[in-house]
C-alpha atoms as a PDB file:
ATOM      1  CA  UNK A   1      24.971 -65.891 -11.709  1.00  0.00           C
ATOM      2  CA  UNK A   2      21.846 -64.773 -13.494  1.00  0.00           C
ATOM      3  CA  UNK A   3      20.447 -63.818 -10.145  1.00  0.00           C
ATOM      4  CA  UNK A   4      23.573 -61.763  -9.306  1.00  0.00           C
ATOM      5  CA  UNK A   5      23.336 -59.989 -12.708  1.00  0.00           C
ATOM      6  CA  UNK A   6      19.694 -59.116 -12.127  1.00  0.00           C
ATOM      7  CA  UNK A   7      20.458 -57.776  -8.673  1.00  0.00           C
ATOM      8  CA  UNK A   8      23.392 -55.815 -10.084  1.00  0.00           C
ATOM      9  CA  UNK A   9      20.973 -54.314 -12.794  1.00  0.00           C
ATOM     10  CA  UNK A  10      18.473 -53.371 -10.072  1.00  0.00           C
ATOM     11  CA  UNK A  11      21.204 -51.671  -8.083  1.00  0.00           C
ATOM     12  CA  UNK A  12      22.357 -49.873 -11.272  1.00  0.00           C
ATOM     13  CA  UNK A  13      19.078 -47.865 -11.367  1.00  0.00           C
ATOM     14  CA  UNK A  14      20.266 -45.356  -8.778  1.00  0.00           C
ATOM     15  CA  UNK A  15      23.563 -44.952 -10.596  1.00  0.00           C
ATOM     16  CA  UNK A  16      21.652 -44.339 -13.854  1.00  0.00           C
ATOM     17  CA  UNK A  17      19.571 -41.764 -12.122  1.00  0.00           C
ATOM     18  CA  UNK A  18      22.678 -40.234 -10.747  1.00  0.00           C
ATOM     19  CA  UNK A  19      24.112 -39.821 -14.207  1.00  0.00           C
ATOM     20  CA  UNK A  20      20.936 -37.987 -15.400  1.00  0.00           C
ATOM     21  CA  UNK A  21      21.257 -35.981 -12.199  1.00  0.00           C
ATOM     22  CA  UNK A  22      24.743 -35.106 -13.296  1.00  0.00           C
ATOM     23  CA  UNK A  23      23.252 -32.523 -15.663  1.00  0.00           C
ATOM     24  CA  UNK A  24      22.019 -30.685 -12.594  1.00  0.00           C
ATOM     25  CA  UNK A  25      22.693 -27.452 -14.238  1.00  0.00           C
ATOM     26  CA  UNK A  26      20.251 -28.032 -17.055  1.00  0.00           C
ATOM     27  CA  UNK A  27      17.713 -29.523 -14.616  1.00  0.00           C
ATOM     28  CA  UNK A  28      18.011 -26.428 -12.398  1.00  0.00           C
ATOM     29  CA  UNK A  29      17.659 -24.135 -15.363  1.00  0.00           C
ATOM     30  CA  UNK A  30      14.516 -26.081 -16.493  1.00  0.00           C
ATOM     31  CA  UNK A  31      13.038 -25.609 -13.013  1.00  0.00           C
ATOM     32  CA  UNK A  32      13.852 -21.972 -12.959  1.00  0.00           C
ATOM     33  CA  UNK A  33      12.158 -21.658 -16.380  1.00  0.00           C
ATOM     34  CA  UNK A  34       9.051 -23.290 -15.102  1.00  0.00           C
ATOM     35  CA  UNK A  35       9.005 -21.000 -12.029  1.00  0.00           C
ATOM     36  CA  UNK A  36       8.297 -17.883 -14.217  1.00  0.00           C
ATOM     37  CA  UNK A  37       5.683 -17.016 -16.843  1.00  0.00           C
ATOM     38  CA  UNK A  38       6.930 -16.355 -20.377  1.00  0.00           C
ATOM     39  CA  UNK A  39       6.241 -12.713 -21.415  1.00  0.00           C
ATOM     40  CA  UNK A  40       3.760 -14.180 -24.160  1.00  0.00           C
ATOM     41  CA  UNK A  41       1.912 -15.992 -21.305  1.00  0.00           C
ATOM     42  CA  UNK A  42       1.560 -19.822 -20.906  1.00  0.00           C
ATOM     43  CA  UNK A  43      -0.848 -19.930 -23.875  1.00  0.00           C
ATOM     44  CA  UNK A  44       0.770 -18.476 -27.073  1.00  0.00           C
ATOM     45  CA  UNK A  45      -1.557 -16.148 -28.944  1.00  0.00           C
ATOM     46  CA  UNK A  46      -2.828 -17.751 -32.217  1.00  0.00           C
ATOM     47  CA  UNK A  47      -1.625 -14.736 -34.269  1.00  0.00           C
ATOM     48  CA  UNK A  48       1.855 -15.156 -32.894  1.00  0.00           C
ATOM     49  CA  UNK A  49       1.850 -18.949 -33.718  1.00  0.00           C
ATOM     50  CA  UNK A  50       0.975 -18.174 -37.283  1.00  0.00           C
ATOM     51  CA  UNK A  51       3.493 -15.393 -37.594  1.00  0.00           C
ATOM     52  CA  UNK A  52       6.334 -17.715 -36.265  1.00  0.00           C
ATOM     53  CA  UNK A  53       5.604 -20.233 -38.908  1.00  0.00           C
ATOM     54  CA  UNK A  54       5.621 -17.751 -41.717  1.00  0.00           C
ATOM     55  CA  UNK A  55       8.833 -15.951 -40.824  1.00  0.00           C
ATOM     56  CA  UNK A  56      10.894 -19.024 -40.332  1.00  0.00           C
ATOM     57  CA  UNK A  57      12.039 -18.997 -44.002  1.00  0.00           C
ATOM     58  CA  UNK A  58      12.437 -15.192 -44.445  1.00  0.00           C
ATOM     59  CA  UNK A  59      15.622 -13.369 -45.131  1.00  0.00           C
ATOM     60  CA  UNK A  60      16.661 -11.006 -42.366  1.00  0.00           C
ATOM     61  CA  UNK A  61      16.313  -7.977 -44.584  1.00  0.00           C
ATOM     62  CA  UNK A  62      12.691  -8.932 -45.386  1.00  0.00           C
ATOM     63  CA  UNK A  63      11.978  -9.492 -41.689  1.00  0.00           C
ATOM     64  CA  UNK A  64      13.402  -6.154 -40.843  1.00  0.00           C
ATOM     65  CA  UNK A  65      11.097  -4.474 -43.379  1.00  0.00           C
ATOM     66  CA  UNK A  66       8.097  -6.174 -41.576  1.00  0.00           C
ATOM     67  CA  UNK A  67       9.386  -5.294 -38.184  1.00  0.00           C
ATOM     68  CA  UNK A  68       9.823  -1.632 -39.138  1.00  0.00           C
ATOM     69  CA  UNK A  69       6.287  -1.479 -40.522  1.00  0.00           C
ATOM     70  CA  UNK A  70       4.965  -3.118 -37.410  1.00  0.00           C
ATOM     71  CA  UNK A  71       6.716  -0.545 -35.221  1.00  0.00           C
ATOM     72  CA  UNK A  72       5.074   2.145 -37.315  1.00  0.00           C
ATOM     73  CA  UNK A  73       1.803   0.582 -36.781  1.00  0.00           C
ATOM     74  CA  UNK A  74       2.440   0.688 -32.958  1.00  0.00           C
ATOM     75  CA  UNK A  75       3.174   4.363 -33.292  1.00  0.00           C
ATOM     76  CA  UNK A  76      -0.276   4.760 -34.885  1.00  0.00           C
ATOM     77  CA  UNK A  77       1.016   5.284 -38.483  1.00  0.00           C
ATOM     78  CA  UNK A  78      -0.586   3.667 -41.525  1.00  0.00           C
ATOM     79  CA  UNK A  79       1.095   0.625 -43.035  1.00  0.00           C
ATOM     80  CA  UNK A  80       1.473   0.591 -46.841  1.00  0.00           C
ATOM     81  CA  UNK A  81       0.757  -3.136 -47.575  1.00  0.00           C
ATOM     82  CA  UNK A  82       1.143  -2.747 -51.327  1.00  0.00           C
ATOM     83  CA  UNK A  83       4.564  -1.278 -50.995  1.00  0.00           C
ATOM     84  CA  UNK A  84       5.582  -4.105 -48.634  1.00  0.00           C
ATOM     85  CA  UNK A  85       4.231  -6.569 -51.185  1.00  0.00           C
ATOM     86  CA  UNK A  86       6.519  -5.068 -53.832  1.00  0.00           C
ATOM     87  CA  UNK A  87       9.605  -4.999 -51.548  1.00  0.00           C
ATOM     88  CA  UNK A  88       9.098  -8.340 -49.859  1.00  0.00           C
ATOM     89  CA  UNK A  89       7.572 -10.384 -52.631  1.00  0.00           C
ATOM     90  CA  UNK A  90       4.973 -11.721 -50.250  1.00  0.00           C
ATOM     91  CA  UNK A  91       1.182 -11.936 -50.708  1.00  0.00           C
ATOM     92  CA  UNK A  92      -1.049  -9.368 -49.047  1.00  0.00           C
ATOM     93  CA  UNK A  93      -2.546 -12.056 -46.818  1.00  0.00           C
ATOM     94  CA  UNK A  94       0.838 -13.308 -45.617  1.00  0.00           C
ATOM     95  CA  UNK A  95       2.072  -9.798 -44.811  1.00  0.00           C
ATOM     96  CA  UNK A  96      -1.038  -9.052 -42.781  1.00  0.00           C
ATOM     97  CA  UNK A  97      -0.695 -12.289 -40.799  1.00  0.00           C
ATOM     98  CA  UNK A  98       2.944 -11.682 -40.146  1.00  0.00           C
ATOM     99  CA  UNK A  99       2.450  -8.051 -39.109  1.00  0.00           C
ATOM    100  CA  UNK A 100      -0.526  -8.940 -37.007  1.00  0.00           C
ATOM    101  CA  UNK A 101       1.596 -11.522 -35.132  1.00  0.00           C
ATOM    102  CA  UNK A 102       4.593  -9.137 -34.758  1.00  0.00           C
ATOM    103  CA  UNK A 103       2.247  -6.454 -33.520  1.00  0.00           C
ATOM    104  CA  UNK A 104       0.940  -8.695 -30.802  1.00  0.00           C
ATOM    105  CA  UNK A 105       4.407  -9.946 -29.949  1.00  0.00           C
ATOM    106  CA  UNK A 106       5.827  -6.512 -29.615  1.00  0.00           C
ATOM    107  CA  UNK A 107       2.918  -5.460 -27.419  1.00  0.00           C
ATOM    108  CA  UNK A 108       3.463  -8.283 -25.030  1.00  0.00           C
ATOM    109  CA  UNK A 109       7.217  -7.660 -24.927  1.00  0.00           C
ATOM    110  CA  UNK A 110       6.733  -3.911 -24.276  1.00  0.00           C
ATOM    111  CA  UNK A 111       4.271  -4.600 -21.404  1.00  0.00           C
ATOM    112  CA  UNK A 112       6.552  -7.205 -19.848  1.00  0.00           C
ATOM    113  CA  UNK A 113       8.670  -6.367 -16.754  1.00  0.00           C
ATOM    114  CA  UNK A 114      11.241  -8.974 -17.662  1.00  0.00           C
ATOM    115  CA  UNK A 115      14.745  -8.005 -18.593  1.00  0.00           C
ATOM    116  CA  UNK A 116      15.883  -8.220 -22.273  1.00  0.00           C
ATOM    117  CA  UNK A 117      17.946 -11.379 -21.577  1.00  0.00           C
ATOM    118  CA  UNK A 118      14.804 -13.161 -20.256  1.00  0.00           C
ATOM    119  CA  UNK A 119      12.725 -12.007 -23.210  1.00  0.00           C
ATOM    120  CA  UNK A 120      15.455 -13.262 -25.531  1.00  0.00           C
ATOM    121  CA  UNK A 121      15.274 -16.686 -23.882  1.00  0.00           C
ATOM    122  CA  UNK A 122      11.543 -16.771 -24.353  1.00  0.00           C
ATOM    123  CA  UNK A 123      11.840 -15.832 -28.040  1.00  0.00           C
ATOM    124  CA  UNK A 124      14.318 -18.772 -28.462  1.00  0.00           C
ATOM    125  CA  UNK A 125      11.690 -20.981 -26.766  1.00  0.00           C
ATOM    126  CA  UNK A 126       9.289 -19.806 -29.457  1.00  0.00           C
ATOM    127  CA  UNK A 127      11.778 -21.058 -32.167  1.00  0.00           C
ATOM    128  CA  UNK A 128      12.535 -17.605 -33.342  1.00  0.00           C
ATOM    129  CA  UNK A 129      16.054 -17.332 -34.925  1.00  0.00           C
ATOM    130  CA  UNK A 130      18.718 -15.446 -33.001  1.00  0.00           C
ATOM    131  CA  UNK A 131      18.937 -12.716 -35.667  1.00  0.00           C
ATOM    132  CA  UNK A 132      15.249 -12.093 -35.603  1.00  0.00           C
ATOM    133  CA  UNK A 133      15.265 -12.114 -31.748  1.00  0.00           C
ATOM    134  CA  UNK A 134      17.927  -9.523 -31.617  1.00  0.00           C
ATOM    135  CA  UNK A 135      16.024  -7.199 -33.962  1.00  0.00           C
ATOM    136  CA  UNK A 136      12.923  -7.618 -31.794  1.00  0.00           C
ATOM    137  CA  UNK A 137      14.826  -6.925 -28.584  1.00  0.00           C
ATOM    138  CA  UNK A 138      16.334  -3.770 -30.205  1.00  0.00           C
ATOM    139  CA  UNK A 139      12.943  -2.644 -31.297  1.00  0.00           C
ATOM    140  CA  UNK A 140      11.386  -2.785 -27.728  1.00  0.00           C
ATOM    141  CA  UNK A 141      14.545  -1.691 -25.781  1.00  0.00           C
ATOM    142  CA  UNK A 142      15.680   1.236 -28.028  1.00  0.00           C
ATOM    143  CA  UNK A 143      15.258   5.016 -27.472  1.00  0.00           C
ATOM    144  CA  UNK A 144      11.587   4.876 -28.714  1.00  0.00           C
ATOM    145  CA  UNK A 145      10.582   2.394 -26.014  1.00  0.00           C
ATOM    146  CA  UNK A 146       8.718   5.030 -23.879  1.00  0.00           C
ATOM    147  CA  UNK A 147       6.735   6.158 -26.884  1.00  0.00           C
ATOM    148  CA  UNK A 148       5.945   2.659 -28.103  1.00  0.00           C
ATOM    149  CA  UNK A 149       5.013   1.548 -24.543  1.00  0.00           C
ATOM    150  CA  UNK A 150       2.509   4.431 -24.407  1.00  0.00           C
ATOM    151  CA  UNK A 151       0.791   3.183 -27.536  1.00  0.00           C
ATOM    152  CA  UNK A 152       1.005  -0.523 -26.542  1.00  0.00           C
ATOM    153  CA  UNK A 153      -0.791   0.252 -23.290  1.00  0.00           C
ATOM    154  CA  UNK A 154      -3.670   1.948 -25.127  1.00  0.00           C
ATOM    155  CA  UNK A 155      -5.373  -1.393 -25.824  1.00  0.00           C
ATOM    156  CA  UNK A 156      -4.803  -2.818 -22.311  1.00  0.00           C
ATOM    157  CA  UNK A 157      -7.803  -3.319 -20.174  1.00  0.00           C
ATOM    158  CA  UNK A 158      -8.133  -0.927 -17.310  1.00  0.00           C
ATOM    159  CA  UNK A 159     -10.716  -1.192 -14.438  1.00  0.00           C
ATOM    160  CA  UNK A 160     -11.989   1.652 -12.509  1.00  0.00           C
ATOM    161  CA  UNK A 161     -10.191   2.347  -9.180  1.00  0.00           C
ATOM    162  CA  UNK A 162     -11.334   3.595  -5.957  1.00  0.00           C
ATOM    163  CA  UNK A 163     -10.919   7.320  -5.692  1.00  0.00           C
ATOM    164  CA  UNK A 164     -12.440   7.991  -2.318  1.00  0.00           C
ATOM    165  CA  UNK A 165     -14.535   6.338   0.366  1.00  0.00           C
ATOM    166  CA  UNK A 166     -16.876   7.934   2.938  1.00  0.00           C
ATOM    167  CA  UNK A 167     -18.647   6.032   5.615  1.00  0.00           C
ATOM    168  CA  UNK A 168     -20.824   6.512   8.662  1.00  0.00           C
ATOM    169  CA  UNK A 169     -22.692   4.270  11.160  1.00  0.00           C
ATOM    170  CA  UNK A 170     -26.531   4.817  11.351  1.00  0.00           C
ATOM    171  CA  UNK A 171     -28.656   3.335  14.068  1.00  0.00           C
ATOM    172  CA  UNK A 172     -32.269   2.405  13.226  1.00  0.00           C
ATOM    173  CA  UNK A 173     -34.447   3.322  16.121  1.00  0.00           C
ATOM    174  CA  UNK A 174     -37.641   1.563  14.832  1.00  0.00           C
ATOM    175  CA  UNK A 175     -39.439   0.171  11.842  1.00  0.00           C
ATOM    176  CA  UNK A 176     -42.911  -0.127  10.736  1.00  0.00           C
ATOM    177  CA  UNK A 177     -42.957  -3.557  12.422  1.00  0.00           C
ATOM    178  CA  UNK A 178     -40.849  -3.028  15.553  1.00  0.00           C
ATOM    179  CA  UNK A 179     -41.202   0.082  17.706  1.00  0.00           C
ATOM    180  CA  UNK A 180     -37.717  -0.355  19.215  1.00  0.00           C
ATOM    181  CA  UNK A 181     -34.992  -1.656  16.978  1.00  0.00           C
ATOM    182  CA  UNK A 182     -31.734   0.109  17.775  1.00  0.00           C
ATOM    183  CA  UNK A 183     -29.887  -1.835  15.055  1.00  0.00           C
ATOM    184  CA  UNK A 184     -26.647  -0.199  13.712  1.00  0.00           C
ATOM    185  CA  UNK A 185     -25.798  -0.319  10.073  1.00  0.00           C
ATOM    186  CA  UNK A 186     -22.797   0.858   8.072  1.00  0.00           C
ATOM    187  CA  UNK A 187     -23.396   3.231   5.152  1.00  0.00           C
ATOM    188  CA  UNK A 188     -20.578   3.673   2.570  1.00  0.00           C
ATOM    189  CA  UNK A 189     -20.235   6.068  -0.393  1.00  0.00           C
ATOM    190  CA  UNK A 190     -17.566   5.076  -2.916  1.00  0.00           C
ATOM    191  CA  UNK A 191     -16.436   7.317  -5.710  1.00  0.00           C
ATOM    192  CA  UNK A 192     -14.693   5.636  -8.616  1.00  0.00           C
ATOM    193  CA  UNK A 193     -11.983   7.092 -10.963  1.00  0.00           C
ATOM    194  CA  UNK A 194     -14.707   7.367 -13.756  1.00  0.00           C
ATOM    195  CA  UNK A 195     -16.663   9.673 -11.446  1.00  0.00           C
ATOM    196  CA  UNK A 196     -19.428   7.238 -10.670  1.00  0.00           C
ATOM    197  CA  UNK A 197     -20.814   7.124  -7.170  1.00  0.00           C
ATOM    198  CA  UNK A 198     -21.916   3.965  -5.426  1.00  0.00           C
ATOM    199  CA  UNK A 199     -23.885   3.708  -2.188  1.00  0.00           C
ATOM    200  CA  UNK A 200     -23.744   0.587  -0.013  1.00  0.00           C
ATOM    201  CA  UNK A 201     -25.609   0.102   3.225  1.00  0.00           C
ATOM    202  CA  UNK A 202     -25.152  -3.184   5.267  1.00  0.00           C
ATOM    203  CA  UNK A 203     -26.067  -4.352   8.763  1.00  0.00           C
ATOM    204  CA  UNK A 204     -23.146  -4.628  11.193  1.00  0.00           C
ATOM    205  CA  UNK A 205     -23.215  -8.482  10.911  1.00  0.00           C
ATOM    206  CA  UNK A 206     -22.851  -8.326   7.206  1.00  0.00           C
ATOM    207  CA  UNK A 207     -20.130  -5.708   7.485  1.00  0.00           C
ATOM    208  CA  UNK A 208     -18.165  -7.974   9.811  1.00  0.00           C
ATOM    209  CA  UNK A 209     -18.607 -10.818   7.243  1.00  0.00           C
ATOM    210  CA  UNK A 210     -17.400  -8.492   4.531  1.00  0.00           C
ATOM    211  CA  UNK A 211     -14.355  -7.411   6.754  1.00  0.00           C
ATOM    212  CA  UNK A 212     -13.499 -11.077   7.444  1.00  0.00           C
ATOM    213  CA  UNK A 213     -13.767 -12.066   3.768  1.00  0.00           C
ATOM    214  CA  UNK A 214     -11.550  -9.199   2.610  1.00  0.00           C
ATOM    215  CA  UNK A 215      -8.877 -10.058   5.211  1.00  0.00           C
ATOM    216  CA  UNK A 216      -9.150 -13.682   4.023  1.00  0.00           C
ATOM    217  CA  UNK A 217      -8.645 -12.760   0.376  1.00  0.00           C
ATOM    218  CA  UNK A 218      -5.719 -10.547   1.269  1.00  0.00           C
ATOM    219  CA  UNK A 219      -4.160 -13.268   3.169  1.00  0.00           C
ATOM    220  CA  UNK A 220      -4.601 -15.612   0.219  1.00  0.00           C
ATOM    221  CA  UNK A 221      -3.067 -13.114  -2.127  1.00  0.00           C
ATOM    222  CA  UNK A 222      -0.075 -12.760   0.244  1.00  0.00           C
ATOM    223  CA  UNK A 223       0.301 -16.480   0.141  1.00  0.00           C
ATOM    224  CA  UNK A 224       0.349 -16.601  -3.566  1.00  0.00           C
ATOM    225  CA  UNK A 225       2.838 -13.846  -3.833  1.00  0.00           C
ATOM    226  CA  UNK A 226       5.216 -15.735  -1.647  1.00  0.00           C
ATOM    227  CA  UNK A 227       5.251 -18.728  -4.086  1.00  0.00           C
ATOM    228  CA  UNK A 228       8.410 -18.650  -6.221  1.00  0.00           C
ATOM    229  CA  UNK A 229       6.379 -19.358  -9.365  1.00  0.00           C
ATOM    230  CA  UNK A 230       4.903 -15.912  -9.157  1.00  0.00           C
ATOM    231  CA  UNK A 231       8.100 -14.009  -8.351  1.00  0.00           C
ATOM    232  CA  UNK A 232       9.773 -11.996 -11.119  1.00  0.00           C
ATOM    233  CA  UNK A 233      13.118 -13.416 -11.823  1.00  0.00           C
ATOM    234  CA  UNK A 234      16.071 -11.092 -12.052  1.00  0.00           C
END
């Protein structure tokens, strides 16, 4: 009998697994959440972490005062910290930490391509209350979004882009060592968006290596883009 019970328990493992699988909806939702990057990134900025801890015990009216001040800061206006101290009854240091965190959070939300529903889910994952999340969503999706977005992108890192490219093939007839060389080389002139001009001259063999490596990198990028984890979820 004991053997039969043991055998029954071992067979019960799949049924137990089936029970947990019964919550397939939540499992699928968890898988979907993993397949995209939160708008704050996989690593939450330190200033956002500190801010979340401090706002957890605030009244909504106080939070709205801080959020309004943060939006003003995003618009390039000066924040009157002393006035906020009087109205919120918070210390100067606490106010600065909360506004710094909110500023960073709003920047990330404005730069995100995710829909407001997805951003709201991410805010819940950050343990931000529903009321505060609603206020944040309203701040980044309201009529002033284009204006705020313009300021939010000011601090973003921009790299120079290729403005134009000229090229030609030169053939070296001879060198100081060889009287007859006849070796072709590719000469490229690149003009970047900042106006800088760069000249590159490479032998044909190196040019073919460059062409191959660029094609290889583009293929790798295409493979990465086809992975579901990098696709933007609707």
